[in-house]
Amino acid sequence: MTATSWQVADLNSGAVLGGCGPHERRTPASVQKLLLAAALMPRLDPKQVVEVKREDLADLDPASSVMGLVEGGRYPIESLWLGLLLKSGNDAANVLARVGGGDNGRQGGVDAMNEEARRLHANQTHAATPSGLDGPGQYTSAYDLALIARACFAREDFRRYIATRVAEVPAQPGKPAFQIVNDNTLLDRVPGMLGGKTGFTSLARQTYVGVVERDGRRLAVTLLGAETAPLGSLGEAIALLDWGFALPPDASVGQLVTREEKKSSSLSLLTGLGLGAAAGLVVMIVAVSWWRRRGVKEPPDGR
């Protein structure tokens, strides 16, 4: 294993089977596109046709991965999701973020991604770009990617998109229709593969998220910071998935948090304290609030 952090988790039960530095912040590269899908796929009508603007393409490096959109072209949202997930289209990511961001444009889409990360309690994740291209203060973790993958793969439309082998991009003025082929070569190499997303930048190195279902178990492997040799991110993902499926079904070293668990843990704090202690906690909170309003200097840390 060359990945600097990784994790294997069961998306059905939420059991974490194992990991290495799963909570360490790392640069995501294009696996960040899964957060874009989790945030905006529920909001956007797949049949809506949108026009590509100059701003969607202006800041893209010609060498970066694109699905081949043209300025002024009009494409269904569904085609953009396919281009995002099959070809890791940075151009598609920019359009989807702009359209999904409403009046705030692309930044609104990025803001929606960060709101979704908070909703999922992916607290070691912050998006700066919709595509995963490197941006200031952008990071994620192997653990958070499992939370994001669980949200994505719970959607039938997402599973259908990411498992598509070949899709056709509609013709535009001056450009005929063309086909795009899924970059995830594991679809035909790994039994039960539901889909996966690769990523790479010079800073992030190789990143990967993949989900496989066998015998009622749906395992996700998430890894960050892998090198191209000796196995590469895909080879390391296969090895980790094989290891995970070889474990007993009840194997676990931890649990993926759910939104409901976070809510109930906050409520159970007061319940567990008892009425007397809870009242004392309320008095303390009121006192601290009054103290701060009076401008009294707080005691130093460690007191």
C-alpha atoms as a PDB file:
ATOM      1  CA  MET A   1       0.000   0.000   0.000  1.00  0.00           C
ATOM      2  CA  THR A   2       1.281   3.432  -0.965  1.00  0.00           C
ATOM      3  CA  ALA A   3      -1.921   5.355  -0.139  1.00  0.00           C
ATOM      4  CA  THR A   4      -1.256   7.760   2.726  1.00  0.00           C
ATOM      5  CA  SER A   5      -4.768   7.144   4.067  1.00  0.00           C
ATOM      6  CA  TRP A   6      -7.480   4.590   3.310  1.00  0.00           C
ATOM      7  CA  GLN A   7     -10.589   2.950   4.713  1.00  0.00           C
ATOM      8  CA  VAL A   8     -12.889   0.015   3.995  1.00  0.00           C
ATOM      9  CA  ALA A   9     -16.485   0.258   5.237  1.00  0.00           C
ATOM     10  CA  ASP A  10     -19.777  -1.589   4.829  1.00  0.00           C
ATOM     11  CA  LEU A  11     -22.279   0.938   3.469  1.00  0.00           C
ATOM     12  CA  ASN A  12     -25.274  -1.204   4.481  1.00  0.00           C
ATOM     13  CA  SER A  13     -24.425  -1.723   8.144  1.00  0.00           C
ATOM     14  CA  GLY A  14     -22.144   1.276   8.534  1.00  0.00           C
ATOM     15  CA  ALA A  15     -19.387  -0.925   9.963  1.00  0.00           C
ATOM     16  CA  VAL A  16     -15.827   0.291   9.428  1.00  0.00           C
ATOM     17  CA  LEU A  17     -13.687  -2.759   8.704  1.00  0.00           C
ATOM     18  CA  GLY A  18     -10.321  -1.055   8.865  1.00  0.00           C
ATOM     19  CA  GLY A  19      -8.311   1.943   7.826  1.00  0.00           C
ATOM     20  CA  CYS A  20      -5.020   3.798   7.907  1.00  0.00           C
ATOM     21  CA  GLY A  21      -5.164   7.473   8.910  1.00  0.00           C
ATOM     22  CA  PRO A  22      -8.840   7.601   7.894  1.00  0.00           C
ATOM     23  CA  HIS A  23      -9.438  10.983   9.585  1.00  0.00           C
ATOM     24  CA  GLU A  24      -6.333  12.724   8.221  1.00  0.00           C
ATOM     25  CA  ARG A  25      -6.984  15.638   5.882  1.00  0.00           C
ATOM     26  CA  ARG A  26      -5.783  15.007   2.347  1.00  0.00           C
ATOM     27  CA  THR A  27      -6.236  16.619  -1.067  1.00  0.00           C
ATOM     28  CA  PRO A  28      -9.132  14.927  -2.896  1.00  0.00           C
ATOM     29  CA  ALA A  29      -8.562  15.510  -6.631  1.00  0.00           C
ATOM     30  CA  SER A  30     -11.538  14.314  -8.703  1.00  0.00           C
ATOM     31  CA  VAL A  31     -13.152  12.128  -6.050  1.00  0.00           C
ATOM     32  CA  GLN A  32     -14.472  15.522  -4.894  1.00  0.00           C
ATOM     33  CA  LYS A  33     -16.978  15.194  -7.748  1.00  0.00           C
ATOM     34  CA  LEU A  34     -18.905  12.704  -5.603  1.00  0.00           C
ATOM     35  CA  LEU A  35     -19.657  15.499  -3.147  1.00  0.00           C
ATOM     36  CA  LEU A  36     -20.910  17.613  -6.062  1.00  0.00           C
ATOM     37  CA  ALA A  37     -23.242  14.759  -7.026  1.00  0.00           C
ATOM     38  CA  ALA A  38     -24.437  14.248  -3.437  1.00  0.00           C
ATOM     39  CA  ALA A  39     -25.213  17.960  -3.107  1.00  0.00           C
ATOM     40  CA  LEU A  40     -26.807  18.767  -6.462  1.00  0.00           C
ATOM     41  CA  MET A  41     -28.261  15.585  -7.916  1.00  0.00           C
ATOM     42  CA  PRO A  42     -31.370  15.910  -5.695  1.00  0.00           C
ATOM     43  CA  ARG A  43     -31.815  19.534  -6.799  1.00  0.00           C
ATOM     44  CA  LEU A  44     -31.431  19.339 -10.578  1.00  0.00           C
ATOM     45  CA  ASP A  45     -33.949  17.992 -13.101  1.00  0.00           C
ATOM     46  CA  PRO A  46     -32.066  15.504 -15.320  1.00  0.00           C
ATOM     47  CA  LYS A  47     -34.205  16.512 -18.312  1.00  0.00           C
ATOM     48  CA  GLN A  48     -33.463  20.238 -17.966  1.00  0.00           C
ATOM     49  CA  VAL A  49     -31.403  21.563 -20.896  1.00  0.00           C
ATOM     50  CA  VAL A  50     -28.733  24.133 -19.987  1.00  0.00           C
ATOM     51  CA  GLU A  51     -26.405  26.284 -22.052  1.00  0.00           C
ATOM     52  CA  VAL A  52     -22.636  26.216 -21.570  1.00  0.00           C
ATOM     53  CA  LYS A  53     -21.204  29.676 -20.843  1.00  0.00           C
ATOM     54  CA  ARG A  54     -17.719  30.979 -21.562  1.00  0.00           C
ATOM     55  CA  GLU A  55     -17.053  31.177 -17.826  1.00  0.00           C
ATOM     56  CA  ASP A  56     -17.578  27.415 -17.535  1.00  0.00           C
ATOM     57  CA  LEU A  57     -14.582  26.715 -19.767  1.00  0.00           C
ATOM     58  CA  ALA A  58     -12.376  29.777 -19.321  1.00  0.00           C
ATOM     59  CA  ASP A  59     -10.282  28.604 -16.362  1.00  0.00           C
ATOM     60  CA  LEU A  60      -9.754  24.989 -17.422  1.00  0.00           C
ATOM     61  CA  ASP A  61      -6.305  23.716 -18.273  1.00  0.00           C
ATOM     62  CA  PRO A  62      -6.475  22.175 -21.772  1.00  0.00           C
ATOM     63  CA  ALA A  63      -4.658  19.146 -20.355  1.00  0.00           C
ATOM     64  CA  SER A  64      -7.233  18.532 -17.618  1.00  0.00           C
ATOM     65  CA  SER A  65      -9.972  15.933 -17.986  1.00  0.00           C
ATOM     66  CA  VAL A  66     -13.066  17.184 -19.820  1.00  0.00           C
ATOM     67  CA  MET A  67     -16.112  15.604 -21.445  1.00  0.00           C
ATOM     68  CA  GLY A  68     -15.879  17.880 -24.488  1.00  0.00           C
ATOM     69  CA  LEU A  69     -18.508  20.579 -23.949  1.00  0.00           C
ATOM     70  CA  VAL A  70     -18.555  23.559 -26.328  1.00  0.00           C
ATOM     71  CA  GLU A  71     -19.377  27.166 -25.506  1.00  0.00           C
ATOM     72  CA  GLY A  72     -22.964  27.921 -26.441  1.00  0.00           C
ATOM     73  CA  GLY A  73     -23.824  24.231 -26.549  1.00  0.00           C
ATOM     74  CA  ARG A  74     -27.064  23.064 -24.955  1.00  0.00           C
ATOM     75  CA  TYR A  75     -27.007  19.806 -23.003  1.00  0.00           C
ATOM     76  CA  PRO A  76     -29.424  17.904 -20.743  1.00  0.00           C
ATOM     77  CA  ILE A  77     -28.369  17.775 -17.097  1.00  0.00           C
ATOM     78  CA  GLU A  78     -28.340  13.992 -17.417  1.00  0.00           C
ATOM     79  CA  SER A  79     -25.605  14.202 -20.085  1.00  0.00           C
ATOM     80  CA  LEU A  80     -23.565  16.401 -17.754  1.00  0.00           C
ATOM     81  CA  TRP A  81     -23.819  13.864 -14.913  1.00  0.00           C
ATOM     82  CA  LEU A  82     -22.653  11.145 -17.277  1.00  0.00           C
ATOM     83  CA  GLY A  83     -19.747  13.293 -18.461  1.00  0.00           C
ATOM     84  CA  LEU A  84     -18.840  14.086 -14.861  1.00  0.00           C
ATOM     85  CA  LEU A  85     -18.820  10.473 -13.684  1.00  0.00           C
ATOM     86  CA  LEU A  86     -17.635   8.614 -16.790  1.00  0.00           C
ATOM     87  CA  LYS A  87     -14.933  11.022 -18.017  1.00  0.00           C
ATOM     88  CA  SER A  88     -14.338  13.070 -14.863  1.00  0.00           C
ATOM     89  CA  GLY A  89     -15.354  16.125 -16.868  1.00  0.00           C
ATOM     90  CA  ASN A  90     -14.151  19.301 -15.168  1.00  0.00           C
ATOM     91  CA  ASP A  91     -16.172  21.257 -17.714  1.00  0.00           C
ATOM     92  CA  ALA A  92     -19.310  19.371 -16.649  1.00  0.00           C
ATOM     93  CA  ALA A  93     -18.514  20.063 -12.983  1.00  0.00           C
ATOM     94  CA  ASN A  94     -18.334  23.804 -13.624  1.00  0.00           C
ATOM     95  CA  VAL A  95     -21.656  23.864 -15.469  1.00  0.00           C
ATOM     96  CA  LEU A  96     -23.450  21.751 -12.869  1.00  0.00           C
ATOM     97  CA  ALA A  97     -22.130  23.892 -10.015  1.00  0.00           C
ATOM     98  CA  ARG A  98     -23.149  27.116 -11.770  1.00  0.00           C
ATOM     99  CA  VAL A  99     -26.652  25.893 -12.566  1.00  0.00           C
ATOM    100  CA  GLY A 100     -27.123  24.307  -9.147  1.00  0.00           C
ATOM    101  CA  GLY A 101     -25.750  27.393  -7.419  1.00  0.00           C
ATOM    102  CA  GLY A 102     -28.648  29.570  -8.576  1.00  0.00           C
ATOM    103  CA  ASP A 103     -28.103  33.309  -8.219  1.00  0.00           C
ATOM    104  CA  ASN A 104     -24.656  32.744  -6.707  1.00  0.00           C
ATOM    105  CA  GLY A 105     -23.426  30.816  -9.730  1.00  0.00           C
ATOM    106  CA  ARG A 106     -20.538  28.401  -9.422  1.00  0.00           C
ATOM    107  CA  GLN A 107     -19.678  29.596  -5.923  1.00  0.00           C
ATOM    108  CA  GLY A 108     -23.241  28.819  -4.924  1.00  0.00           C
ATOM    109  CA  GLY A 109     -22.674  25.254  -6.110  1.00  0.00           C
ATOM    110  CA  VAL A 110     -19.488  24.983  -4.060  1.00  0.00           C
ATOM    111  CA  ASP A 111     -21.340  26.389  -1.051  1.00  0.00           C
ATOM    112  CA  ALA A 112     -23.995  23.692  -1.538  1.00  0.00           C
ATOM    113  CA  MET A 113     -21.246  21.068  -1.517  1.00  0.00           C
ATOM    114  CA  ASN A 114     -19.955  22.320   1.821  1.00  0.00           C
ATOM    115  CA  GLU A 115     -23.494  22.432   3.220  1.00  0.00           C
ATOM    116  CA  GLU A 116     -23.967  18.813   2.129  1.00  0.00           C
ATOM    117  CA  ALA A 117     -20.686  17.821   3.778  1.00  0.00           C
ATOM    118  CA  ARG A 118     -21.935  19.333   7.053  1.00  0.00           C
ATOM    119  CA  ARG A 119     -25.300  17.586   6.669  1.00  0.00           C
ATOM    120  CA  LEU A 120     -23.526  14.244   6.243  1.00  0.00           C
ATOM    121  CA  HIS A 121     -21.188  15.078   9.165  1.00  0.00           C
ATOM    122  CA  ALA A 122     -18.229  14.842   6.811  1.00  0.00           C
ATOM    123  CA  ASN A 123     -16.433  17.280   9.090  1.00  0.00           C
ATOM    124  CA  GLN A 124     -12.977  16.714   7.601  1.00  0.00           C
ATOM    125  CA  THR A 125     -14.110  17.921   4.176  1.00  0.00           C
ATOM    126  CA  HIS A 126     -14.070  21.374   2.609  1.00  0.00           C
ATOM    127  CA  ALA A 127     -14.599  22.065  -1.102  1.00  0.00           C
ATOM    128  CA  ALA A 128     -13.003  25.006  -2.904  1.00  0.00           C
ATOM    129  CA  THR A 129     -13.685  23.847  -6.469  1.00  0.00           C
ATOM    130  CA  PRO A 130     -16.588  21.773  -7.849  1.00  0.00           C
ATOM    131  CA  SER A 131     -14.289  19.537  -9.894  1.00  0.00           C
ATOM    132  CA  GLY A 132     -11.654  18.619  -7.323  1.00  0.00           C
ATOM    133  CA  LEU A 133      -8.969  20.576  -9.138  1.00  0.00           C
ATOM    134  CA  ASP A 134      -6.668  21.899  -6.435  1.00  0.00           C
ATOM    135  CA  GLY A 135      -7.956  24.978  -4.616  1.00  0.00           C
ATOM    136  CA  PRO A 136      -7.043  26.880  -1.451  1.00  0.00           C
ATOM    137  CA  GLY A 137      -8.161  25.194   1.739  1.00  0.00           C
ATOM    138  CA  GLN A 138      -9.585  22.148  -0.024  1.00  0.00           C
ATOM    139  CA  TYR A 139      -9.381  18.807   1.747  1.00  0.00           C
ATOM    140  CA  THR A 140     -11.197  15.605   2.619  1.00  0.00           C
ATOM    141  CA  SER A 141     -10.531  12.337   4.446  1.00  0.00           C
ATOM    142  CA  ALA A 142     -10.925   8.643   3.687  1.00  0.00           C
ATOM    143  CA  TYR A 143     -13.618   8.443   6.394  1.00  0.00           C
ATOM    144  CA  ASP A 144     -15.575  11.377   4.973  1.00  0.00           C
ATOM    145  CA  LEU A 145     -15.423   9.925   1.485  1.00  0.00           C
ATOM    146  CA  ALA A 146     -17.195   6.821   2.804  1.00  0.00           C
ATOM    147  CA  LEU A 147     -19.991   9.020   4.191  1.00  0.00           C
ATOM    148  CA  ILE A 148     -20.266  10.808   0.838  1.00  0.00           C
ATOM    149  CA  ALA A 149     -20.188   7.528  -1.103  1.00  0.00           C
ATOM    150  CA  ARG A 150     -22.958   6.123   1.097  1.00  0.00           C
ATOM    151  CA  ALA A 151     -25.161   9.114   0.228  1.00  0.00           C
ATOM    152  CA  CYS A 152     -24.397   8.833  -3.489  1.00  0.00           C
ATOM    153  CA  PHE A 153     -24.854   5.076  -3.852  1.00  0.00           C
ATOM    154  CA  ALA A 154     -28.165   5.232  -1.989  1.00  0.00           C
ATOM    155  CA  ARG A 155     -29.570   6.976  -5.098  1.00  0.00           C
ATOM    156  CA  GLU A 156     -30.786   4.811  -7.997  1.00  0.00           C
ATOM    157  CA  ASP A 157     -30.001   7.484 -10.574  1.00  0.00           C
ATOM    158  CA  PHE A 158     -26.422   7.870  -9.335  1.00  0.00           C
ATOM    159  CA  ARG A 159     -25.862   4.097  -9.437  1.00  0.00           C
ATOM    160  CA  ARG A 160     -27.215   4.006 -12.981  1.00  0.00           C
ATOM    161  CA  TYR A 161     -24.998   6.857 -14.149  1.00  0.00           C
ATOM    162  CA  ILE A 162     -21.778   5.598 -12.602  1.00  0.00           C
ATOM    163  CA  ALA A 163     -22.292   2.044 -13.915  1.00  0.00           C
ATOM    164  CA  THR A 164     -22.905   3.215 -17.500  1.00  0.00           C
ATOM    165  CA  ARG A 165     -20.244   1.832 -19.842  1.00  0.00           C
ATOM    166  CA  VAL A 166     -20.834   4.066 -22.881  1.00  0.00           C
ATOM    167  CA  ALA A 167     -22.950   7.205 -23.294  1.00  0.00           C
ATOM    168  CA  GLU A 168     -23.646   9.504 -26.238  1.00  0.00           C
ATOM    169  CA  VAL A 169     -23.154  13.254 -25.954  1.00  0.00           C
ATOM    170  CA  PRO A 170     -25.711  15.063 -28.144  1.00  0.00           C
ATOM    171  CA  ALA A 171     -24.658  16.956 -31.273  1.00  0.00           C
ATOM    172  CA  GLN A 172     -24.152  20.719 -31.152  1.00  0.00           C
ATOM    173  CA  PRO A 173     -23.839  23.298 -33.944  1.00  0.00           C
ATOM    174  CA  GLY A 174     -20.553  22.557 -35.635  1.00  0.00           C
ATOM    175  CA  LYS A 175     -19.900  19.455 -33.532  1.00  0.00           C
ATOM    176  CA  PRO A 176     -21.448  16.045 -34.194  1.00  0.00           C
ATOM    177  CA  ALA A 177     -22.640  13.691 -31.478  1.00  0.00           C
ATOM    178  CA  PHE A 178     -19.919  11.540 -29.932  1.00  0.00           C
ATOM    179  CA  GLN A 179     -19.537   8.764 -27.389  1.00  0.00           C
ATOM    180  CA  ILE A 180     -17.816   8.786 -24.031  1.00  0.00           C
ATOM    181  CA  VAL A 181     -16.543   5.613 -22.361  1.00  0.00           C
ATOM    182  CA  ASN A 182     -16.399   5.005 -18.613  1.00  0.00           C
ATOM    183  CA  ASP A 183     -12.864   5.470 -17.262  1.00  0.00           C
ATOM    184  CA  ASN A 184     -13.482   3.027 -14.387  1.00  0.00           C
ATOM    185  CA  THR A 185     -11.872  -0.103 -15.810  1.00  0.00           C
ATOM    186  CA  LEU A 186     -12.788  -2.066 -12.666  1.00  0.00           C
ATOM    187  CA  LEU A 187     -16.409  -2.321 -13.823  1.00  0.00           C
ATOM    188  CA  ASP A 188     -15.508  -5.349 -15.918  1.00  0.00           C
ATOM    189  CA  ARG A 189     -12.651  -6.615 -13.757  1.00  0.00           C
ATOM    190  CA  VAL A 190     -14.140  -6.808 -10.268  1.00  0.00           C
ATOM    191  CA  PRO A 191     -17.208  -8.997  -9.583  1.00  0.00           C
ATOM    192  CA  GLY A 192     -20.061  -6.986  -8.106  1.00  0.00           C
ATOM    193  CA  MET A 193     -18.522  -3.586  -8.887  1.00  0.00           C
ATOM    194  CA  LEU A 194     -21.269  -0.935  -8.649  1.00  0.00           C
ATOM    195  CA  GLY A 195     -19.000   1.913  -9.669  1.00  0.00           C
ATOM    196  CA  GLY A 196     -15.987   3.968  -8.772  1.00  0.00           C
ATOM    197  CA  LYS A 197     -14.330   7.342  -9.187  1.00  0.00           C
ATOM    198  CA  THR A 198     -10.669   8.020  -9.807  1.00  0.00           C
ATOM    199  CA  GLY A 199      -8.738  11.211  -9.186  1.00  0.00           C
ATOM    200  CA  PHE A 200      -5.283  12.637  -9.745  1.00  0.00           C
ATOM    201  CA  THR A 201      -3.405  15.896  -9.375  1.00  0.00           C
ATOM    202  CA  SER A 202       0.322  16.389  -8.785  1.00  0.00           C
ATOM    203  CA  LEU A 203      -0.503  17.510  -5.251  1.00  0.00           C
ATOM    204  CA  ALA A 204      -3.105  14.863  -4.395  1.00  0.00           C
ATOM    205  CA  ARG A 205      -1.432  11.978  -6.243  1.00  0.00           C
ATOM    206  CA  GLN A 206      -3.869   9.137  -7.028  1.00  0.00           C
ATOM    207  CA  THR A 207      -7.208   9.009  -5.208  1.00  0.00           C
ATOM    208  CA  TYR A 208     -10.053   6.537  -5.527  1.00  0.00           C
ATOM    209  CA  VAL A 209     -13.522   5.648  -4.250  1.00  0.00           C
ATOM    210  CA  GLY A 210     -15.080   2.328  -5.272  1.00  0.00           C
ATOM    211  CA  VAL A 211     -18.114   0.322  -4.162  1.00  0.00           C
ATOM    212  CA  VAL A 212     -18.667  -3.414  -4.632  1.00  0.00           C
ATOM    213  CA  GLU A 213     -21.696  -5.511  -3.652  1.00  0.00           C
ATOM    214  CA  ARG A 214     -21.477  -9.256  -2.997  1.00  0.00           C
ATOM    215  CA  ASP A 215     -23.767 -11.589  -1.043  1.00  0.00           C
ATOM    216  CA  GLY A 216     -25.732  -8.707   0.425  1.00  0.00           C
ATOM    217  CA  ARG A 217     -22.641  -6.784   1.588  1.00  0.00           C
ATOM    218  CA  ARG A 218     -21.877  -3.424  -0.010  1.00  0.00           C
ATOM    219  CA  LEU A 219     -18.273  -2.445   0.715  1.00  0.00           C
ATOM    220  CA  ALA A 220     -16.708   0.914  -0.081  1.00  0.00           C
ATOM    221  CA  VAL A 221     -12.978   1.462  -0.390  1.00  0.00           C
ATOM    222  CA  THR A 222     -11.688   5.006  -0.170  1.00  0.00           C
ATOM    223  CA  LEU A 223      -8.039   5.913  -0.567  1.00  0.00           C
ATOM    224  CA  LEU A 224      -5.975   9.082  -0.898  1.00  0.00           C
ATOM    225  CA  GLY A 225      -2.376   9.842  -1.797  1.00  0.00           C
ATOM    226  CA  ALA A 226      -1.508   6.641  -3.682  1.00  0.00           C
ATOM    227  CA  GLU A 227       1.387   6.344  -6.124  1.00  0.00           C
ATOM    228  CA  THR A 228       1.298   4.828  -9.602  1.00  0.00           C
ATOM    229  CA  ALA A 229       3.625   1.940  -8.670  1.00  0.00           C
ATOM    230  CA  PRO A 230       3.659  -0.854  -7.845  1.00  0.00           C
ATOM    231  CA  LEU A 231      -0.134  -1.335  -7.890  1.00  0.00           C
ATOM    232  CA  GLY A 232      -1.591   2.142  -8.416  1.00  0.00           C
ATOM    233  CA  SER A 233      -4.830   3.266  -6.793  1.00  0.00           C
ATOM    234  CA  LEU A 234      -6.930   0.678  -8.659  1.00  0.00           C
ATOM    235  CA  GLY A 235      -4.675  -2.227  -7.705  1.00  0.00           C
ATOM    236  CA  GLU A 236      -4.622  -1.114  -4.084  1.00  0.00           C
ATOM    237  CA  ALA A 237      -8.405  -0.749  -4.123  1.00  0.00           C
ATOM    238  CA  ILE A 238      -8.813  -4.329  -5.411  1.00  0.00           C
ATOM    239  CA  ALA A 239      -6.494  -5.656  -2.692  1.00  0.00           C
ATOM    240  CA  LEU A 240      -8.388  -3.802   0.040  1.00  0.00           C
ATOM    241  CA  LEU A 241     -11.777  -4.965  -1.237  1.00  0.00           C
ATOM    242  CA  ASP A 242     -10.606  -8.577  -1.377  1.00  0.00           C
ATOM    243  CA  TRP A 243      -9.336  -8.207   2.192  1.00  0.00           C
ATOM    244  CA  GLY A 244     -12.640  -6.702   3.317  1.00  0.00           C
ATOM    245  CA  PHE A 245     -14.832  -9.393   1.790  1.00  0.00           C
ATOM    246  CA  ALA A 246     -12.607 -12.099   3.344  1.00  0.00           C
ATOM    247  CA  LEU A 247     -13.477 -10.814   6.828  1.00  0.00           C
ATOM    248  CA  PRO A 248     -16.479 -12.205   8.745  1.00  0.00           C
ATOM    249  CA  PRO A 249     -19.734 -10.296   8.074  1.00  0.00           C
ATOM    250  CA  ASP A 250     -19.793  -8.956  11.649  1.00  0.00           C
ATOM    251  CA  ALA A 251     -16.198  -7.672  11.600  1.00  0.00           C
ATOM    252  CA  SER A 252     -15.921  -4.055  12.747  1.00  0.00           C
ATOM    253  CA  VAL A 253     -13.451  -1.624  14.278  1.00  0.00           C
ATOM    254  CA  GLY A 254     -15.852   1.320  14.248  1.00  0.00           C
ATOM    255  CA  GLN A 255     -19.012   2.759  12.750  1.00  0.00           C
ATOM    256  CA  LEU A 256     -19.908   5.365  10.144  1.00  0.00           C
ATOM    257  CA  VAL A 257     -21.887   8.118  11.824  1.00  0.00           C
ATOM    258  CA  THR A 258     -25.382   8.876  10.568  1.00  0.00           C
ATOM    259  CA  ARG A 259     -27.278  12.133  10.609  1.00  0.00           C
ATOM    260  CA  GLU A 260     -29.831  10.628  12.996  1.00  0.00           C
ATOM    261  CA  GLU A 261     -27.142   9.419  15.402  1.00  0.00           C
ATOM    262  CA  LYS A 262     -25.673  12.920  15.610  1.00  0.00           C
ATOM    263  CA  LYS A 263     -29.084  14.380  16.448  1.00  0.00           C
ATOM    264  CA  SER A 264     -29.873  11.732  19.068  1.00  0.00           C
ATOM    265  CA  SER A 265     -26.449  12.083  20.703  1.00  0.00           C
ATOM    266  CA  SER A 266     -27.091  15.783  21.297  1.00  0.00           C
ATOM    267  CA  LEU A 267     -30.491  15.024  22.851  1.00  0.00           C
ATOM    268  CA  SER A 268     -29.166  12.155  24.938  1.00  0.00           C
ATOM    269  CA  LEU A 269     -26.546  14.439  26.505  1.00  0.00           C
ATOM    270  CA  LEU A 270     -29.190  16.329  28.493  1.00  0.00           C
ATOM    271  CA  THR A 271     -31.157  13.141  29.153  1.00  0.00           C
ATOM    272  CA  GLY A 272     -28.075  11.371  30.459  1.00  0.00           C
ATOM    273  CA  LEU A 273     -27.098  14.259  32.714  1.00  0.00           C
ATOM    274  CA  GLY A 274     -30.332  14.113  34.652  1.00  0.00           C
ATOM    275  CA  LEU A 275     -32.551  17.061  35.492  1.00  0.00           C
ATOM    276  CA  GLY A 276     -30.325  18.487  38.219  1.00  0.00           C
ATOM    277  CA  ALA A 277     -27.134  18.354  36.191  1.00  0.00           C
ATOM    278  CA  ALA A 278     -28.948  19.609  33.099  1.00  0.00           C
ATOM    279  CA  ALA A 279     -30.218  22.616  35.048  1.00  0.00           C
ATOM    280  CA  GLY A 280     -26.688  23.276  36.229  1.00  0.00           C
ATOM    281  CA  LEU A 281     -25.455  23.106  32.637  1.00  0.00           C
ATOM    282  CA  VAL A 282     -28.085  25.634  31.564  1.00  0.00           C
ATOM    283  CA  VAL A 283     -27.049  27.997  34.400  1.00  0.00           C
ATOM    284  CA  MET A 284     -23.406  27.674  33.361  1.00  0.00           C
ATOM    285  CA  ILE A 285     -24.232  28.452  29.706  1.00  0.00           C
ATOM    286  CA  VAL A 286     -26.257  31.540  30.721  1.00  0.00           C
ATOM    287  CA  ALA A 287     -23.437  32.693  33.004  1.00  0.00           C
ATOM    288  CA  VAL A 288     -20.796  32.319  30.285  1.00  0.00           C
ATOM    289  CA  SER A 289     -23.027  34.206  27.844  1.00  0.00           C
ATOM    290  CA  TRP A 290     -23.447  37.073  30.352  1.00  0.00           C
ATOM    291  CA  TRP A 291     -19.710  36.998  31.071  1.00  0.00           C
ATOM    292  CA  ARG A 292     -18.864  37.394  27.359  1.00  0.00           C
ATOM    293  CA  ARG A 293     -21.374  40.223  26.891  1.00  0.00           C
ATOM    294  CA  ARG A 294     -19.733  42.070  29.796  1.00  0.00           C
ATOM    295  CA  GLY A 295     -16.405  41.831  28.002  1.00  0.00           C
ATOM    296  CA  VAL A 296     -14.729  39.908  30.840  1.00  0.00           C
ATOM    297  CA  LYS A 297     -11.553  38.184  29.687  1.00  0.00           C
ATOM    298  CA  GLU A 298     -11.967  34.419  29.559  1.00  0.00           C
ATOM    299  CA  PRO A 299      -9.521  32.227  31.472  1.00  0.00           C
ATOM    300  CA  PRO A 300      -6.665  30.789  29.414  1.00  0.00           C
ATOM    301  CA  ASP A 301      -6.875  27.362  27.876  1.00  0.00           C
ATOM    302  CA  GLY A 302      -6.041  24.553  30.276  1.00  0.00           C
ATOM    303  CA  ARG A 303      -7.796  26.080  33.221  1.00  0.00           C
END
